[in-house]
Amino acid sequence: MAWGKKSRHERGYDYAWVKVREQVMERDYGLCQTCKRAGRTTLAYAVDHIVSKAKATVLRWTRAKMDHPSNLEAICKPCHEVKTEGEQGKKKRVRKVPGPDGWPSCPQAL
């Protein structure tokens, strides 16, 4: 996912975002909420906007509403990649990753 030449601060991820991110990760116990809904337990690596920033902008949401914890959730990298690709209208092929018992566990995007 390319963000161009803008820094994370120019994209709106400043100190306030860091604090909200910490709160959301703590609230979600550092676990991917997408995997949790599917009955899996996976560590999250990021905090994601449930309603994307692009869609929220079209809906004329304020930044406070966009970055409110109720619009944020912890997410693992594979789930985040699949979600982002879907929001961008692309389709990613998903493969199952074998768990310790040999059966498929968390899907991973290729």
C-alpha atoms as a PDB file:
ATOM      1  CA  MET A   1       0.000   0.000   0.000  1.00  0.00           C
ATOM      2  CA  ALA A   2       1.710   3.192  -1.150  1.00  0.00           C
ATOM      3  CA  TRP A   3       1.106   6.427   0.709  1.00  0.00           C
ATOM      4  CA  GLY A   4       3.121   8.659  -1.591  1.00  0.00           C
ATOM      5  CA  LYS A   5       5.445  11.241  -0.128  1.00  0.00           C
ATOM      6  CA  LYS A   6       3.313  12.329   2.853  1.00  0.00           C
ATOM      7  CA  SER A   7       4.666  11.636   6.332  1.00  0.00           C
ATOM      8  CA  ARG A   8       2.516   9.868   8.902  1.00  0.00           C
ATOM      9  CA  HIS A   9       1.963  13.235  10.612  1.00  0.00           C
ATOM     10  CA  GLU A  10       0.735  14.794   7.353  1.00  0.00           C
ATOM     11  CA  ARG A  11      -1.679  11.854   6.982  1.00  0.00           C
ATOM     12  CA  GLY A  12      -3.127  12.602  10.456  1.00  0.00           C
ATOM     13  CA  TYR A  13      -1.225  10.081  12.592  1.00  0.00           C
ATOM     14  CA  ASP A  14       0.200  12.420  15.229  1.00  0.00           C
ATOM     15  CA  TYR A  15       0.670  12.153  18.999  1.00  0.00           C
ATOM     16  CA  ALA A  16      -3.109  12.156  19.576  1.00  0.00           C
ATOM     17  CA  TRP A  17      -3.385   9.140  17.236  1.00  0.00           C
ATOM     18  CA  VAL A  18      -0.617   7.320  19.132  1.00  0.00           C
ATOM     19  CA  LYS A  19      -2.564   7.744  22.404  1.00  0.00           C
ATOM     20  CA  VAL A  20      -5.875   6.571  20.868  1.00  0.00           C
ATOM     21  CA  ARG A  21      -4.074   3.626  19.238  1.00  0.00           C
ATOM     22  CA  GLU A  22      -2.703   2.589  22.636  1.00  0.00           C
ATOM     23  CA  GLN A  23      -6.186   2.807  24.168  1.00  0.00           C
ATOM     24  CA  VAL A  24      -7.739   0.683  21.401  1.00  0.00           C
ATOM     25  CA  MET A  25      -4.977  -1.949  21.566  1.00  0.00           C
ATOM     26  CA  GLU A  26      -5.475  -2.159  25.333  1.00  0.00           C
ATOM     27  CA  ARG A  27      -9.269  -2.341  24.986  1.00  0.00           C
ATOM     28  CA  ASP A  28      -8.965  -5.132  22.385  1.00  0.00           C
ATOM     29  CA  TYR A  29      -6.257  -6.922  24.418  1.00  0.00           C
ATOM     30  CA  GLY A  30      -3.892  -6.678  21.435  1.00  0.00           C
ATOM     31  CA  LEU A  31      -5.954  -9.247  19.517  1.00  0.00           C
ATOM     32  CA  CYS A  32      -7.245  -9.009  15.947  1.00  0.00           C
ATOM     33  CA  GLN A  33     -10.971  -8.368  16.167  1.00  0.00           C
ATOM     34  CA  THR A  34     -11.620  -9.722  12.650  1.00  0.00           C
ATOM     35  CA  CYS A  35     -10.030 -13.060  13.608  1.00  0.00           C
ATOM     36  CA  LYS A  36     -11.867 -12.999  16.943  1.00  0.00           C
ATOM     37  CA  ARG A  37     -15.221 -12.719  15.149  1.00  0.00           C
ATOM     38  CA  ALA A  38     -14.195 -15.766  13.082  1.00  0.00           C
ATOM     39  CA  GLY A  39     -13.315 -17.756  16.206  1.00  0.00           C
ATOM     40  CA  ARG A  40      -9.533 -17.385  15.911  1.00  0.00           C
ATOM     41  CA  THR A  41      -7.011 -15.835  18.298  1.00  0.00           C
ATOM     42  CA  THR A  42      -4.372 -13.751  16.506  1.00  0.00           C
ATOM     43  CA  LEU A  43      -2.132 -10.952  17.749  1.00  0.00           C
ATOM     44  CA  ALA A  44      -2.893  -7.588  16.184  1.00  0.00           C
ATOM     45  CA  TYR A  45      -0.221  -5.405  14.643  1.00  0.00           C
ATOM     46  CA  ALA A  46      -2.257  -2.281  13.881  1.00  0.00           C
ATOM     47  CA  VAL A  47      -5.378  -0.320  14.698  1.00  0.00           C
ATOM     48  CA  ASP A  48      -7.748   0.046  11.764  1.00  0.00           C
ATOM     49  CA  HIS A  49     -10.616   2.403  10.987  1.00  0.00           C
ATOM     50  CA  ILE A  50     -13.848   0.390  10.708  1.00  0.00           C
ATOM     51  CA  VAL A  51     -15.265   3.068   8.411  1.00  0.00           C
ATOM     52  CA  SER A  52     -12.215   4.005   6.341  1.00  0.00           C
ATOM     53  CA  LYS A  53     -10.836   7.525   6.466  1.00  0.00           C
ATOM     54  CA  ALA A  54     -11.639   7.933   2.755  1.00  0.00           C
ATOM     55  CA  LYS A  55     -15.290   6.943   3.229  1.00  0.00           C
ATOM     56  CA  ALA A  56     -15.564   8.995   6.423  1.00  0.00           C
ATOM     57  CA  THR A  57     -14.288  12.035   4.523  1.00  0.00           C
ATOM     58  CA  VAL A  58     -16.972  11.532   1.859  1.00  0.00           C
ATOM     59  CA  LEU A  59     -19.538  11.276   4.666  1.00  0.00           C
ATOM     60  CA  ARG A  60     -18.117  14.555   6.041  1.00  0.00           C
ATOM     61  CA  TRP A  61     -17.158  13.095   9.379  1.00  0.00           C
ATOM     62  CA  THR A  62     -15.020  15.228  11.645  1.00  0.00           C
ATOM     63  CA  ARG A  63     -11.560  13.972  12.508  1.00  0.00           C
ATOM     64  CA  ALA A  64     -12.757  13.402  16.073  1.00  0.00           C
ATOM     65  CA  LYS A  65     -15.531  11.101  14.842  1.00  0.00           C
ATOM     66  CA  MET A  66     -13.171   9.367  12.386  1.00  0.00           C
ATOM     67  CA  ASP A  67     -10.578   8.621  15.066  1.00  0.00           C
ATOM     68  CA  HIS A  68     -13.046   7.863  17.874  1.00  0.00           C
ATOM     69  CA  PRO A  69     -12.372   4.490  19.532  1.00  0.00           C
ATOM     70  CA  SER A  70     -15.835   3.278  18.472  1.00  0.00           C
ATOM     71  CA  ASN A  71     -14.635   3.490  14.839  1.00  0.00           C
ATOM     72  CA  LEU A  72     -11.345   1.713  15.547  1.00  0.00           C
ATOM     73  CA  GLU A  73     -10.329  -1.878  16.159  1.00  0.00           C
ATOM     74  CA  ALA A  74      -7.152  -3.915  16.490  1.00  0.00           C
ATOM     75  CA  ILE A  75      -6.298  -5.976  13.408  1.00  0.00           C
ATOM     76  CA  CYS A  76      -3.598  -8.413  12.268  1.00  0.00           C
ATOM     77  CA  LYS A  77      -1.558  -7.836   9.121  1.00  0.00           C
ATOM     78  CA  PRO A  78      -3.242 -10.491   6.920  1.00  0.00           C
ATOM     79  CA  CYS A  79      -6.753  -9.288   7.817  1.00  0.00           C
ATOM     80  CA  HIS A  80      -5.707  -5.653   7.339  1.00  0.00           C
ATOM     81  CA  GLU A  81      -4.306  -6.390   3.877  1.00  0.00           C
ATOM     82  CA  VAL A  82      -7.489  -8.206   2.813  1.00  0.00           C
ATOM     83  CA  LYS A  83      -9.700  -5.410   4.200  1.00  0.00           C
ATOM     84  CA  THR A  84      -7.653  -2.651   2.558  1.00  0.00           C
ATOM     85  CA  GLU A  85      -7.625  -4.407  -0.809  1.00  0.00           C
ATOM     86  CA  GLY A  86     -11.400  -4.831  -0.593  1.00  0.00           C
ATOM     87  CA  GLU A  87     -11.881  -1.148   0.212  1.00  0.00           C
ATOM     88  CA  GLN A  88      -9.774  -0.284  -2.822  1.00  0.00           C
ATOM     89  CA  GLY A  89     -11.898  -2.534  -5.040  1.00  0.00           C
ATOM     90  CA  LYS A  90      -9.189  -5.149  -5.494  1.00  0.00           C
ATOM     91  CA  LYS A  91      -9.392  -8.813  -4.708  1.00  0.00           C
ATOM     92  CA  LYS A  92      -6.603 -10.611  -2.927  1.00  0.00           C
ATOM     93  CA  ARG A  93      -6.170 -14.342  -3.026  1.00  0.00           C
ATOM     94  CA  VAL A  94      -6.369 -15.763   0.483  1.00  0.00           C
ATOM     95  CA  ARG A  95      -4.541 -18.868   1.626  1.00  0.00           C
ATOM     96  CA  LYS A  96      -4.931 -20.810   4.836  1.00  0.00           C
ATOM     97  CA  VAL A  97      -1.886 -21.093   7.063  1.00  0.00           C
ATOM     98  CA  PRO A  98      -1.471 -24.411   8.856  1.00  0.00           C
ATOM     99  CA  GLY A  99      -1.603 -24.211  12.632  1.00  0.00           C
ATOM    100  CA  PRO A 100       0.515 -26.237  15.049  1.00  0.00           C
ATOM    101  CA  ASP A 101      -1.856 -29.179  14.651  1.00  0.00           C
ATOM    102  CA  GLY A 102      -1.568 -29.122  10.844  1.00  0.00           C
ATOM    103  CA  TRP A 103      -5.070 -27.797  10.257  1.00  0.00           C
ATOM    104  CA  PRO A 104      -5.583 -24.367   8.619  1.00  0.00           C
ATOM    105  CA  SER A 105      -5.770 -21.469  11.053  1.00  0.00           C
ATOM    106  CA  CYS A 106      -5.620 -17.737  10.232  1.00  0.00           C
ATOM    107  CA  PRO A 107      -5.992 -16.843   6.557  1.00  0.00           C
ATOM    108  CA  GLN A 108      -3.099 -14.898   5.108  1.00  0.00           C
ATOM    109  CA  ALA A 109      -3.167 -12.689   2.058  1.00  0.00           C
ATOM    110  CA  LEU A 110      -0.703 -13.471  -0.687  1.00  0.00           C
END
